[in-house]
Amino acid sequence: MLINPWVRNYEKDDHSALRRVRDWASRKLGSTVDYGFGYGTWVFIGNDTVIKIDPEVGRSERFTHELAISQLEIPGIATPKVLETGTLEGRAWVIIDRLDGSSGYNVWPGLDHSAKAMLTSQLADALSYLHKFQPDQGLLHAETSNWSRHVRLSFNRVLRAVDNVVPGRVLSMSQAAFAEWEDALTDRPRVLCHGDIWLGNILVNGNGTLAGILDFDRMALAPADYELDMLLRFWRYPWNFVPEQLEAIYEYPLEIELMQPFVDLCQGDLTDKQISARLSTLELIYRLNLVNRFGWSQQHAMMFDTVLSGNWADGLV
């Protein structure tokens, strides 16, 4: 992610601490506990509430994003409300209410094209309310007041980090592509973007209608087109996001035309060429960050071919 202040090393999980935290969470919830998944978060799901705990010690501000949107109201759509916060062994935790509905990736395969179009339209409408919401900016973590500078610094930082990892040809091509695209990085009015919208972060009713939106960890004040970044990535490579048992169901890209409501919401006065360039820069940074974390592989080589070809946003605009 371009904006993700909570990156951590999963290989260094303190499993002894996790056992103690799990026992504490079970007592705190006072009910049967399921274990969920959150990016860089331990998640414990009770009957009526959910506990999220930061695996890292000493980050008291870890869950202020949840506080920032706790007063958010979207008509007919549930979002998490903070019930209690605290620390355990130096680890920040938050208790939020449990929302009703099924994970979007479980429901999506059973919907026909018309129902899928209705769901994406409902989600775009819900995001329009989020974009208008005015949070306490002191509770947000990413400094994005100068978006073009923010993106350029992110690119230069990760390019230096992978200098000895990525093949020289790919590094040269990445620099040339970014130089071509960066003129499109004009500053635009900032809105409150979720930043991590995909089917795993929405809840859907049995009839296929949107019920709730989850996981605001990557929320940021940014240009509205930033919202398309994760959406397009999921649409093109859904098998990389869903649980392993669903990978075969999501083995092909989703229908790109279903993203049109999001484009209508986020493109504004950007030309198709500008929005394509802006999304390409974000995807390039994302791919370089993945290589920095996991090393180079043939899969990464294929991904870079797609991005550096200039065709990343084909079909979207």
Protein backbone atom coordinates (compact mmCIF):
# COMPACT_ATOMS: atom_id res chain seq x y z
CA MET A 1 0.00 0.00 0.00
CA LEU A 2 1.14 3.54 -0.63
CA ILE A 3 -0.25 4.63 2.74
CA ASN A 4 0.30 2.00 5.40
CA PRO A 5 1.92 3.12 8.64
CA TRP A 6 1.47 -0.31 10.25
CA VAL A 7 3.78 -2.54 8.22
CA ARG A 8 5.43 -5.17 10.40
CA ASN A 9 7.41 -8.39 10.15
CA TYR A 10 4.97 -11.29 10.53
CA GLU A 11 7.83 -13.73 10.91
CA LYS A 12 8.66 -12.07 14.22
CA ASP A 13 5.25 -12.65 15.81
CA ASP A 14 5.52 -13.28 19.54
CA HIS A 15 3.51 -16.51 19.72
CA SER A 16 3.85 -16.77 23.47
CA ALA A 17 2.31 -13.31 23.81
CA LEU A 18 -0.38 -14.26 21.30
CA ARG A 19 -1.48 -17.14 23.52
CA ARG A 20 -1.76 -14.81 26.52
CA VAL A 21 -3.61 -12.20 24.48
CA ARG A 22 -6.00 -14.86 23.13
CA ASP A 23 -6.87 -15.95 26.66
CA TRP A 24 -7.40 -12.34 27.73
CA ALA A 25 -9.60 -11.63 24.72
CA SER A 26 -11.74 -14.70 25.43
CA ARG A 27 -12.36 -13.51 28.97
CA LYS A 28 -12.96 -9.94 27.80
CA LEU A 29 -15.51 -10.96 25.18
CA GLY A 30 -17.22 -13.37 27.54
CA SER A 31 -18.48 -15.50 24.66
CA THR A 32 -17.45 -18.00 22.05
CA VAL A 33 -14.53 -16.49 20.16
CA ASP A 34 -13.64 -16.80 16.49
CA TYR A 35 -10.28 -15.72 15.21
CA GLY A 36 -10.39 -13.25 12.37
CA PHE A 37 -7.74 -11.69 10.18
CA GLY A 38 -6.60 -8.11 10.00
CA TYR A 39 -3.59 -6.68 8.20
CA GLY A 40 -1.00 -6.38 10.96
CA THR A 41 -3.67 -6.99 13.62
CA TRP A 42 -4.77 -9.80 15.91
CA VAL A 43 -8.57 -10.05 15.65
CA PHE A 44 -10.94 -11.82 18.04
CA ILE A 45 -14.63 -12.03 17.18
CA GLY A 46 -17.29 -12.44 19.85
CA ASN A 47 -21.06 -12.73 19.62
CA ASP A 48 -21.68 -8.98 19.69
CA THR A 49 -18.27 -7.33 19.70
CA VAL A 50 -14.82 -7.60 18.11
CA ILE A 51 -11.41 -6.98 19.70
CA LYS A 52 -8.51 -5.81 17.55
CA ILE A 53 -5.03 -5.87 19.10
CA ASP A 54 -1.77 -4.52 17.74
CA PRO A 55 0.94 -7.23 17.80
CA GLU A 56 3.60 -4.55 18.19
CA VAL A 57 4.37 -3.00 21.58
CA GLY A 58 4.41 0.75 22.17
CA ARG A 59 2.09 2.08 19.47
CA SER A 60 -0.67 3.63 21.54
CA GLU A 61 -2.09 5.47 18.51
CA ARG A 62 -2.58 2.25 16.55
CA PHE A 63 -6.39 2.34 16.42
CA THR A 64 -7.15 6.04 16.25
CA HIS A 65 -8.51 5.53 12.72
CA GLU A 66 -11.40 3.63 14.28
CA LEU A 67 -11.98 6.57 16.61
CA ALA A 68 -11.82 8.97 13.66
CA ILE A 69 -14.76 7.30 11.89
CA SER A 70 -16.74 6.17 14.93
CA GLN A 71 -19.25 8.99 14.34
CA LEU A 72 -19.54 8.31 10.61
CA GLU A 73 -23.12 7.80 9.45
CA ILE A 74 -23.92 6.27 6.06
CA PRO A 75 -27.66 5.77 5.47
CA GLY A 76 -28.51 2.08 5.62
CA ILE A 77 -24.84 1.00 5.84
CA ALA A 78 -23.15 -0.02 9.09
CA THR A 79 -19.60 1.01 10.00
CA PRO A 80 -17.68 0.09 13.18
CA LYS A 81 -18.33 2.03 16.37
CA VAL A 82 -15.68 2.13 19.09
CA LEU A 83 -16.88 0.83 22.45
CA GLU A 84 -13.66 0.71 24.48
CA THR A 85 -9.90 1.17 24.07
CA GLY A 86 -6.86 0.31 26.18
CA THR A 87 -3.47 -1.41 26.26
CA LEU A 88 -2.37 -4.89 27.26
CA GLU A 89 1.31 -5.56 27.92
CA GLY A 90 2.02 -2.36 26.00
CA ARG A 91 -0.10 -3.42 23.01
CA ALA A 92 -2.96 -1.15 21.97
CA TRP A 93 -6.41 -2.69 21.65
CA VAL A 94 -9.86 -1.54 20.65
CA ILE A 95 -13.31 -3.08 21.03
CA ILE A 96 -15.81 -2.35 18.28
CA ASP A 97 -19.34 -3.54 17.69
CA ARG A 98 -19.79 -6.60 15.50
CA LEU A 99 -21.61 -5.84 12.26
CA ASP A 100 -24.16 -8.13 10.62
CA GLY A 101 -23.70 -9.59 7.17
CA SER A 102 -21.55 -12.01 5.19
CA SER A 103 -18.14 -11.24 3.75
CA GLY A 104 -18.50 -9.87 0.23
CA TYR A 105 -16.17 -12.46 -1.32
CA ASN A 106 -18.42 -15.26 -0.07
CA VAL A 107 -21.57 -13.72 -1.56
CA TRP A 108 -20.23 -12.33 -4.86
CA PRO A 109 -19.91 -15.65 -6.80
CA GLY A 110 -23.61 -16.39 -6.24
CA LEU A 111 -24.84 -13.06 -7.64
CA ASP A 112 -25.89 -12.55 -11.23
CA HIS A 113 -24.51 -9.66 -13.27
CA SER A 114 -27.40 -7.35 -12.40
CA ALA A 115 -27.01 -7.98 -8.65
CA LYS A 116 -23.25 -7.41 -8.87
CA ALA A 117 -23.85 -4.10 -10.65
CA MET A 118 -26.33 -3.08 -7.96
CA LEU A 119 -23.85 -3.95 -5.19
CA THR A 120 -21.01 -1.94 -6.74
CA SER A 121 -23.36 1.01 -7.24
CA GLN A 122 -24.41 0.84 -3.58
CA LEU A 123 -20.78 0.70 -2.49
CA ALA A 124 -19.90 3.75 -4.60
CA ASP A 125 -22.83 5.64 -3.06
CA ALA A 126 -21.62 4.68 0.43
CA LEU A 127 -18.08 5.85 -0.36
CA SER A 128 -19.48 9.21 -1.47
CA TYR A 129 -20.67 9.75 2.15
CA LEU A 130 -17.23 8.76 3.46
CA HIS A 131 -15.57 11.22 1.08
CA LYS A 132 -17.67 14.04 2.54
CA PHE A 133 -17.03 13.11 6.17
CA GLN A 134 -14.80 15.50 8.14
CA PRO A 135 -12.69 13.51 10.62
CA ASP A 136 -10.48 14.79 13.40
CA GLN A 137 -7.29 15.05 11.36
CA GLY A 138 -5.21 14.59 14.48
CA LEU A 139 -6.39 10.96 14.52
CA LEU A 140 -5.02 10.23 11.04
CA HIS A 141 -1.45 9.11 10.46
CA ALA A 142 -0.50 9.80 6.84
CA GLU A 143 0.67 13.25 5.80
CA THR A 144 -0.70 13.73 2.30
CA SER A 145 -1.34 17.47 2.08
CA ASN A 146 0.96 17.59 -0.98
CA TRP A 147 -0.09 14.47 -2.88
CA SER A 148 2.36 14.74 -5.77
CA ARG A 149 5.28 15.15 -3.36
CA HIS A 150 3.99 12.27 -1.23
CA VAL A 151 3.87 9.91 -4.23
CA ARG A 152 7.29 10.97 -5.53
CA LEU A 153 8.91 10.48 -2.12
CA SER A 154 7.26 7.06 -1.78
CA PHE A 155 8.61 6.01 -5.17
CA ASN A 156 12.15 7.24 -4.52
CA ARG A 157 12.22 5.65 -1.08
CA VAL A 158 11.24 2.18 -2.25
CA LEU A 159 13.40 2.41 -5.38
CA ARG A 160 16.45 2.87 -3.15
CA ALA A 161 15.31 -0.01 -0.94
CA VAL A 162 15.17 -2.52 -3.84
CA ASP A 163 18.29 -1.35 -5.66
CA ASN A 164 20.06 -4.67 -5.00
CA VAL A 165 16.97 -6.84 -5.36
CA VAL A 166 15.23 -5.91 -8.60
CA PRO A 167 16.95 -6.65 -11.94
CA GLY A 168 18.63 -3.56 -13.38
CA ARG A 169 16.46 -3.66 -16.51
CA VAL A 170 13.30 -3.44 -14.37
CA LEU A 171 14.76 -0.61 -12.28
CA SER A 172 15.58 1.40 -15.40
CA MET A 173 12.14 0.74 -16.89
CA SER A 174 10.48 1.73 -13.59
CA GLN A 175 12.34 5.03 -13.48
CA ALA A 176 11.47 5.78 -17.11
CA ALA A 177 7.80 4.91 -16.59
CA PHE A 178 7.52 7.04 -13.46
CA ALA A 179 9.16 9.97 -15.24
CA GLU A 180 6.53 9.64 -17.98
CA TRP A 181 3.62 9.40 -15.54
CA GLU A 182 4.58 11.93 -12.87
CA ASP A 183 3.31 14.98 -14.77
CA ALA A 184 -0.20 13.63 -14.05
CA LEU A 185 0.40 13.84 -10.28
CA THR A 186 -1.33 17.18 -9.92
CA ASP A 187 -2.79 18.02 -6.53
CA ARG A 188 -6.55 17.70 -6.22
CA PRO A 189 -8.96 18.41 -3.35
CA ARG A 190 -8.47 15.85 -0.61
CA VAL A 191 -11.33 13.71 0.65
CA LEU A 192 -11.48 10.96 3.25
CA CYS A 193 -10.67 7.76 1.34
CA HIS A 194 -11.08 4.27 2.74
CA GLY A 195 -7.98 3.20 0.82
CA ASP A 196 -8.53 -0.55 1.14
CA ILE A 197 -11.87 -1.30 -0.48
CA TRP A 198 -12.29 -4.82 -1.84
CA LEU A 199 -14.87 -7.57 -1.29
CA GLY A 200 -13.19 -8.70 1.92
CA ASN A 201 -13.82 -5.35 3.58
CA ILE A 202 -17.54 -5.15 2.92
CA LEU A 203 -20.47 -7.04 4.42
CA VAL A 204 -23.40 -8.12 2.29
CA ASN A 205 -26.93 -9.22 3.14
CA GLY A 206 -28.36 -12.50 1.92
CA ASN A 207 -30.14 -10.71 -0.92
CA GLY A 208 -26.86 -9.27 -2.20
CA THR A 209 -27.28 -5.71 -0.89
CA LEU A 210 -24.52 -3.84 0.90
CA ALA A 211 -24.79 -4.09 4.69
CA GLY A 212 -21.53 -2.69 6.06
CA ILE A 213 -17.98 -1.48 5.46
CA LEU A 214 -15.02 -2.64 7.55
CA ASP A 215 -11.31 -2.09 8.16
CA PHE A 216 -10.38 1.59 7.96
CA ASP A 217 -6.69 1.05 8.82
CA ARG A 218 -5.49 2.55 5.51
CA MET A 219 -7.90 5.47 5.55
CA ALA A 220 -6.34 8.76 4.49
CA LEU A 221 -7.14 12.26 3.33
CA ALA A 222 -6.17 11.99 -0.31
CA PRO A 223 -7.41 12.78 -3.82
CA ALA A 224 -10.56 10.79 -4.59
CA ASP A 225 -8.83 8.78 -7.32
CA TYR A 226 -6.69 7.14 -4.60
CA GLU A 227 -9.84 5.12 -3.79
CA LEU A 228 -9.49 3.36 -7.15
CA ASP A 229 -6.01 2.05 -6.33
CA MET A 230 -6.93 -1.01 -4.26
CA LEU A 231 -10.20 -1.52 -6.11
CA LEU A 232 -8.47 -1.89 -9.48
CA ARG A 233 -5.79 -4.15 -7.99
CA PHE A 234 -8.43 -6.47 -6.55
CA TRP A 235 -10.48 -6.41 -9.75
CA ARG A 236 -7.46 -7.48 -11.81
CA TYR A 237 -6.00 -10.06 -9.38
CA PRO A 238 -8.82 -11.24 -7.07
CA TRP A 239 -7.17 -14.62 -6.43
CA ASN A 240 -4.36 -12.84 -4.56
CA PHE A 241 -6.83 -11.47 -1.98
CA VAL A 242 -9.35 -14.16 -1.12
CA PRO A 243 -8.82 -17.12 1.25
CA GLU A 244 -7.00 -20.08 -0.26
CA GLN A 245 -10.15 -22.20 -0.52
CA LEU A 246 -11.72 -19.57 -2.80
CA GLU A 247 -8.77 -18.98 -5.13
CA ALA A 248 -10.17 -21.33 -7.78
CA ILE A 249 -13.48 -19.44 -7.80
CA TYR A 250 -11.65 -16.13 -8.29
CA GLU A 251 -9.11 -17.38 -10.82
CA TYR A 252 -10.07 -14.75 -13.42
CA PRO A 253 -10.26 -10.93 -13.25
CA LEU A 254 -13.66 -9.49 -12.36
CA GLU A 255 -15.76 -7.70 -14.98
CA ILE A 256 -14.03 -4.35 -15.35
CA GLU A 257 -17.21 -2.54 -16.45
CA LEU A 258 -18.64 -3.10 -12.97
CA MET A 259 -16.14 -0.56 -11.66
CA GLN A 260 -17.80 2.28 -13.56
CA PRO A 261 -19.68 3.68 -10.51
CA PHE A 262 -16.33 4.08 -8.74
CA VAL A 263 -14.80 5.85 -11.74
CA ASP A 264 -17.81 8.20 -11.87
CA LEU A 265 -17.27 8.97 -8.17
CA CYS A 266 -13.50 9.43 -8.24
CA GLN A 267 -12.33 10.68 -11.64
CA GLY A 268 -13.64 14.24 -11.45
CA ASP A 269 -11.93 16.48 -14.00
CA LEU A 270 -9.00 14.13 -14.60
CA THR A 271 -8.63 12.95 -18.19
CA ASP A 272 -8.51 9.23 -18.89
CA LYS A 273 -4.78 9.55 -19.60
CA GLN A 274 -4.17 11.34 -16.29
CA ILE A 275 -6.10 8.86 -14.17
CA SER A 276 -4.38 5.96 -15.92
CA ALA A 277 -0.97 7.49 -15.17
CA ARG A 278 -1.85 8.24 -11.54
CA LEU A 279 -3.07 4.69 -10.90
CA SER A 280 -0.03 3.25 -12.67
CA THR A 281 2.34 5.14 -10.36
CA LEU A 282 0.57 3.76 -7.30
CA GLU A 283 0.63 0.21 -8.64
CA LEU A 284 4.32 0.50 -9.48
CA ILE A 285 5.09 1.64 -5.92
CA TYR A 286 2.94 -1.17 -4.54
CA ARG A 287 4.81 -3.78 -6.60
CA LEU A 288 8.21 -2.42 -5.58
CA ASN A 289 7.17 -2.56 -1.93
CA LEU A 290 6.14 -6.21 -2.32
CA VAL A 291 9.53 -7.05 -3.82
CA ASN A 292 11.24 -5.22 -0.98
CA ARG A 293 9.38 -7.37 1.50
CA PHE A 294 9.33 -10.79 -0.20
CA GLY A 295 12.17 -10.70 -2.72
CA TRP A 296 12.18 -11.07 -6.50
CA SER A 297 10.25 -13.87 -8.22
CA GLN A 298 8.86 -14.83 -11.61
CA GLN A 299 5.40 -13.80 -10.43
CA HIS A 300 6.70 -10.32 -9.66
CA ALA A 301 8.32 -10.19 -13.10
CA MET A 302 4.95 -10.87 -14.73
CA MET A 303 3.26 -8.21 -12.59
CA PHE A 304 5.88 -5.61 -13.55
CA ASP A 305 5.41 -6.45 -17.23
CA THR A 306 1.73 -5.59 -16.88
CA VAL A 307 2.30 -2.32 -15.05
CA LEU A 308 5.28 -1.09 -17.06
CA SER A 309 3.51 -1.79 -20.34
CA GLY A 310 1.29 1.20 -19.56
CA ASN A 311 -1.84 -0.92 -19.73
CA TRP A 312 -2.60 -1.10 -16.01
CA ALA A 313 -5.89 0.81 -16.24
CA ASP A 314 -7.04 -0.66 -19.57
CA GLY A 315 -10.80 -1.03 -19.62
CA LEU A 316 -11.28 1.17 -16.57
CA VAL A 317 -10.97 4.47 -18.46
